Amino acid sequence: MIFPNRVDGVAATVQGEVILKSQVWEGVRFVASSQNINTYNNEAELEILFEEVLGGLIDNLVLFDLASQDTSLFVDELLLEERLQAEINRQVGLVGSVVGLEQYYGEPLSRIRAKIRKEMRKSFLIEQYQSTLFPFVVPSPGDVRLFYEENK
């Protein structure tokens, strides 16, 4: 895979939150590897992935901003800590050790935990907010079949 080795910069801002180009490229790497997309010498595919990942990050920040304004939403701290520890354990398992994880991120474990906790908190709030938007939407078996046929 090839990815630009440029100086980092701002890709977008949403309500004062900055999305760095490096964050977008990290997402592109993840999507490309998880979907077995060959991006080697494929500038067009990289640009498409970059725009898709950037759009998703922007959407999440907009949803997070809306969720943050809803005072009825809250994050269960015990559940957050439980899921955080599970995620840390999963990532340590992937790289083999805590030292390997710290080397991968280039930061100590305490900082890694803080960053993951912040993202998980955002994710929890966004999920709660989205569930308030469509509380009674239940797809029918026909809807599921149609979705499957269109997206297989």
C-alpha atoms as a PDB file:
ATOM      1  CA  MET A   1       0.000   0.000   0.000  1.00  0.00           C
ATOM      2  CA  ILE A   2       1.127   3.518  -0.609  1.00  0.00           C
ATOM      3  CA  PHE A   3       0.004   6.457   1.432  1.00  0.00           C
ATOM      4  CA  PRO A   4       1.125  10.037   1.168  1.00  0.00           C
ATOM      5  CA  ASN A   5       4.045  10.989   3.376  1.00  0.00           C
ATOM      6  CA  ARG A   6       3.105  14.618   3.661  1.00  0.00           C
ATOM      7  CA  VAL A   7       3.207  16.992   6.566  1.00  0.00           C
ATOM      8  CA  ASP A   8       0.032  16.655   8.611  1.00  0.00           C
ATOM      9  CA  GLY A   9      -2.681  19.223   8.163  1.00  0.00           C
ATOM     10  CA  VAL A  10      -6.339  19.928   8.765  1.00  0.00           C
ATOM     11  CA  ALA A  11      -8.724  17.901   6.623  1.00  0.00           C
ATOM     12  CA  ALA A  12     -11.907  19.431   8.095  1.00  0.00           C
ATOM     13  CA  THR A  13     -13.360  21.147  11.138  1.00  0.00           C
ATOM     14  CA  VAL A  14     -16.775  20.517  12.677  1.00  0.00           C
ATOM     15  CA  GLN A  15     -18.027  22.735  15.505  1.00  0.00           C
ATOM     16  CA  GLY A  16     -14.468  23.564  16.518  1.00  0.00           C
ATOM     17  CA  GLU A  17     -13.298  19.922  16.414  1.00  0.00           C
ATOM     18  CA  VAL A  18     -10.431  19.354  14.002  1.00  0.00           C
ATOM     19  CA  ILE A  19     -10.035  16.306  11.780  1.00  0.00           C
ATOM     20  CA  LEU A  20      -6.412  15.870  10.803  1.00  0.00           C
ATOM     21  CA  LYS A  21      -5.354  14.393   7.493  1.00  0.00           C
ATOM     22  CA  SER A  22      -3.363  11.797   9.434  1.00  0.00           C
ATOM     23  CA  GLN A  23      -6.599  10.652  11.108  1.00  0.00           C
ATOM     24  CA  VAL A  24      -8.220  10.243   7.716  1.00  0.00           C
ATOM     25  CA  TRP A  25      -5.231   8.322   6.307  1.00  0.00           C
ATOM     26  CA  GLU A  26      -5.274   6.061   9.373  1.00  0.00           C
ATOM     27  CA  GLY A  27      -8.925   5.305   8.601  1.00  0.00           C
ATOM     28  CA  VAL A  28      -8.069   4.703   4.937  1.00  0.00           C
ATOM     29  CA  ARG A  29      -5.390   2.188   5.963  1.00  0.00           C
ATOM     30  CA  PHE A  30      -7.855   0.415   8.243  1.00  0.00           C
ATOM     31  CA  VAL A  31     -10.611   0.242   5.614  1.00  0.00           C
ATOM     32  CA  ALA A  32      -8.215  -0.871   2.877  1.00  0.00           C
ATOM     33  CA  SER A  33      -6.711  -3.624   5.005  1.00  0.00           C
ATOM     34  CA  SER A  34     -10.000  -4.836   6.492  1.00  0.00           C
ATOM     35  CA  GLN A  35     -11.665  -4.999   3.057  1.00  0.00           C
ATOM     36  CA  ASN A  36      -8.595  -6.336   1.218  1.00  0.00           C
ATOM     37  CA  ILE A  37      -8.522  -3.349  -1.105  1.00  0.00           C
ATOM     38  CA  ASN A  38      -5.338  -3.088  -3.138  1.00  0.00           C
ATOM     39  CA  THR A  39      -4.323   0.551  -3.085  1.00  0.00           C
ATOM     40  CA  TYR A  40      -0.795   0.025  -4.388  1.00  0.00           C
ATOM     41  CA  ASN A  41      -0.252   2.561  -7.187  1.00  0.00           C
ATOM     42  CA  ASN A  42      -4.009   3.158  -7.288  1.00  0.00           C
ATOM     43  CA  GLU A  43      -4.410   6.893  -6.740  1.00  0.00           C
ATOM     44  CA  ALA A  44      -8.085   6.885  -7.757  1.00  0.00           C
ATOM     45  CA  GLU A  45      -8.996   4.242  -5.162  1.00  0.00           C
ATOM     46  CA  LEU A  46      -7.058   6.127  -2.481  1.00  0.00           C
ATOM     47  CA  GLU A  47      -8.920   9.348  -3.246  1.00  0.00           C
ATOM     48  CA  ILE A  48     -12.300   7.562  -3.086  1.00  0.00           C
ATOM     49  CA  LEU A  49     -11.393   5.944   0.247  1.00  0.00           C
ATOM     50  CA  PHE A  50     -10.069   9.251   1.593  1.00  0.00           C
ATOM     51  CA  GLU A  51     -13.356  11.023   0.781  1.00  0.00           C
ATOM     52  CA  GLU A  52     -15.459   8.178   2.233  1.00  0.00           C
ATOM     53  CA  VAL A  53     -13.467   8.056   5.473  1.00  0.00           C
ATOM     54  CA  LEU A  54     -13.462  11.856   5.787  1.00  0.00           C
ATOM     55  CA  GLY A  55     -17.230  11.924   5.244  1.00  0.00           C
ATOM     56  CA  GLY A  56     -17.720   9.322   7.962  1.00  0.00           C
ATOM     57  CA  LEU A  57     -15.546  11.258  10.408  1.00  0.00           C
ATOM     58  CA  ILE A  58     -17.473  14.461   9.674  1.00  0.00           C
ATOM     59  CA  ASP A  59     -20.817  12.671  10.118  1.00  0.00           C
ATOM     60  CA  ASN A  60     -19.667  11.296  13.475  1.00  0.00           C
ATOM     61  CA  LEU A  61     -18.578  14.717  14.708  1.00  0.00           C
ATOM     62  CA  VAL A  62     -21.913  16.248  13.687  1.00  0.00           C
ATOM     63  CA  LEU A  63     -23.784  13.455  15.472  1.00  0.00           C
ATOM     64  CA  PHE A  64     -21.528  13.825  18.513  1.00  0.00           C
ATOM     65  CA  ASP A  65     -22.220  17.548  18.631  1.00  0.00           C
ATOM     66  CA  LEU A  66     -25.967  16.907  18.516  1.00  0.00           C
ATOM     67  CA  ALA A  67     -25.705  14.131  21.105  1.00  0.00           C
ATOM     68  CA  SER A  68     -23.676  16.382  23.418  1.00  0.00           C
ATOM     69  CA  GLN A  69     -26.498  18.919  23.410  1.00  0.00           C
ATOM     70  CA  ASP A  70     -29.061  16.295  24.490  1.00  0.00           C
ATOM     71  CA  THR A  71     -29.021  16.400  28.291  1.00  0.00           C
ATOM     72  CA  SER A  72     -31.030  13.173  28.576  1.00  0.00           C
ATOM     73  CA  LEU A  73     -28.119  11.091  27.262  1.00  0.00           C
ATOM     74  CA  PHE A  74     -25.399   9.742  29.519  1.00  0.00           C
ATOM     75  CA  VAL A  75     -22.531   7.272  29.410  1.00  0.00           C
ATOM     76  CA  ASP A  76     -22.479   4.354  31.838  1.00  0.00           C
ATOM     77  CA  GLU A  77     -18.948   4.660  33.225  1.00  0.00           C
ATOM     78  CA  LEU A  78     -18.760   1.025  34.355  1.00  0.00           C
ATOM     79  CA  LEU A  79     -19.762  -0.235  30.918  1.00  0.00           C
ATOM     80  CA  LEU A  80     -17.340   2.194  29.288  1.00  0.00           C
ATOM     81  CA  GLU A  81     -14.465   0.969  31.466  1.00  0.00           C
ATOM     82  CA  GLU A  82     -15.368  -2.663  30.780  1.00  0.00           C
ATOM     83  CA  ARG A  83     -15.436  -2.121  27.009  1.00  0.00           C
ATOM     84  CA  LEU A  84     -12.263  -0.029  27.163  1.00  0.00           C
ATOM     85  CA  GLN A  85     -10.390  -2.811  28.929  1.00  0.00           C
ATOM     86  CA  ALA A  86     -11.695  -5.349  26.405  1.00  0.00           C
ATOM     87  CA  GLU A  87     -10.480  -3.140  23.534  1.00  0.00           C
ATOM     88  CA  ILE A  88      -7.058  -2.658  25.127  1.00  0.00           C
ATOM     89  CA  ASN A  89      -6.789  -6.431  25.642  1.00  0.00           C
ATOM     90  CA  ARG A  90      -7.812  -7.022  22.018  1.00  0.00           C
ATOM     91  CA  GLN A  91      -5.206  -4.620  20.701  1.00  0.00           C
ATOM     92  CA  VAL A  92      -2.498  -6.016  22.985  1.00  0.00           C
ATOM     93  CA  GLY A  93      -3.412  -9.463  21.646  1.00  0.00           C
ATOM     94  CA  LEU A  94      -2.965  -8.237  18.083  1.00  0.00           C
ATOM     95  CA  VAL A  95       0.512  -6.777  18.660  1.00  0.00           C
ATOM     96  CA  GLY A  96       1.649  -9.313  21.261  1.00  0.00           C
ATOM     97  CA  SER A  97       2.385  -7.134  24.296  1.00  0.00           C
ATOM     98  CA  VAL A  98       1.729  -3.830  26.014  1.00  0.00           C
ATOM     99  CA  VAL A  99       5.213  -2.700  24.951  1.00  0.00           C
ATOM    100  CA  GLY A 100       4.337  -3.558  21.350  1.00  0.00           C
ATOM    101  CA  LEU A 101       1.122  -1.535  21.631  1.00  0.00           C
ATOM    102  CA  GLU A 102       3.014   1.439  23.038  1.00  0.00           C
ATOM    103  CA  GLN A 103       5.518   1.191  20.191  1.00  0.00           C
ATOM    104  CA  TYR A 104       2.722   0.964  17.614  1.00  0.00           C
ATOM    105  CA  TYR A 105       1.045   4.124  18.938  1.00  0.00           C
ATOM    106  CA  GLY A 106       4.300   5.806  19.927  1.00  0.00           C
ATOM    107  CA  GLU A 107       2.758   6.684  23.294  1.00  0.00           C
ATOM    108  CA  PRO A 108       2.529   5.238  26.816  1.00  0.00           C
ATOM    109  CA  LEU A 109      -0.409   3.003  27.709  1.00  0.00           C
ATOM    110  CA  SER A 110      -2.022   5.717  29.871  1.00  0.00           C
ATOM    111  CA  ARG A 111      -2.286   8.026  26.866  1.00  0.00           C
ATOM    112  CA  ILE A 112      -3.540   5.230  24.600  1.00  0.00           C
ATOM    113  CA  ARG A 113      -6.260   4.405  27.149  1.00  0.00           C
ATOM    114  CA  ALA A 114      -7.260   8.076  27.375  1.00  0.00           C
ATOM    115  CA  LYS A 115      -7.578   8.413  23.598  1.00  0.00           C
ATOM    116  CA  ILE A 116      -9.545   5.190  23.209  1.00  0.00           C
ATOM    117  CA  ARG A 117     -11.779   6.138  26.173  1.00  0.00           C
ATOM    118  CA  LYS A 118     -12.533   9.508  24.559  1.00  0.00           C
ATOM    119  CA  GLU A 119     -13.476   7.869  21.237  1.00  0.00           C
ATOM    120  CA  MET A 120     -15.576   5.195  22.966  1.00  0.00           C
ATOM    121  CA  ARG A 121     -17.426   7.851  24.977  1.00  0.00           C
ATOM    122  CA  LYS A 122     -18.227   9.663  21.720  1.00  0.00           C
ATOM    123  CA  SER A 123     -19.363   6.416  20.160  1.00  0.00           C
ATOM    124  CA  PHE A 124     -21.651   5.577  23.100  1.00  0.00           C
ATOM    125  CA  LEU A 125     -23.285   9.008  22.978  1.00  0.00           C
ATOM    126  CA  ILE A 126     -23.736   8.828  19.203  1.00  0.00           C
ATOM    127  CA  GLU A 127     -25.364   5.381  19.468  1.00  0.00           C
ATOM    128  CA  GLN A 128     -27.758   6.627  22.142  1.00  0.00           C
ATOM    129  CA  TYR A 129     -28.592   9.712  20.119  1.00  0.00           C
ATOM    130  CA  GLN A 130     -29.238   7.683  16.971  1.00  0.00           C
ATOM    131  CA  SER A 131     -31.532   5.338  18.879  1.00  0.00           C
ATOM    132  CA  THR A 132     -33.654   8.351  19.901  1.00  0.00           C
ATOM    133  CA  LEU A 133     -34.023   9.381  16.259  1.00  0.00           C
ATOM    134  CA  PHE A 134     -35.509   6.096  15.089  1.00  0.00           C
ATOM    135  CA  PRO A 135     -36.789   4.300  18.188  1.00  0.00           C
ATOM    136  CA  PHE A 136     -39.520   2.323  16.475  1.00  0.00           C
ATOM    137  CA  VAL A 137     -37.898   1.444  13.172  1.00  0.00           C
ATOM    138  CA  VAL A 138     -37.802  -2.316  12.784  1.00  0.00           C
ATOM    139  CA  PRO A 139     -36.810  -3.687   9.381  1.00  0.00           C
ATOM    140  CA  SER A 140     -39.074  -6.350   7.911  1.00  0.00           C
ATOM    141  CA  PRO A 141     -37.650  -9.607   6.537  1.00  0.00           C
ATOM    142  CA  GLY A 142     -38.246  -8.185   3.049  1.00  0.00           C
ATOM    143  CA  ASP A 143     -36.209  -5.084   3.921  1.00  0.00           C
ATOM    144  CA  VAL A 144     -33.358  -7.277   5.120  1.00  0.00           C
ATOM    145  CA  ARG A 145     -33.441  -9.404   1.943  1.00  0.00           C
ATOM    146  CA  LEU A 146     -33.496  -6.305  -0.269  1.00  0.00           C
ATOM    147  CA  PHE A 147     -30.587  -4.779   1.638  1.00  0.00           C
ATOM    148  CA  TYR A 148     -28.627  -8.015   1.337  1.00  0.00           C
ATOM    149  CA  GLU A 149     -29.260  -8.269  -2.406  1.00  0.00           C
ATOM    150  CA  GLU A 150     -28.198  -4.661  -2.982  1.00  0.00           C
ATOM    151  CA  ASN A 151     -25.062  -4.884  -0.835  1.00  0.00           C
ATOM    152  CA  LYS A 152     -23.641  -8.366  -1.267  1.00  0.00           C
END
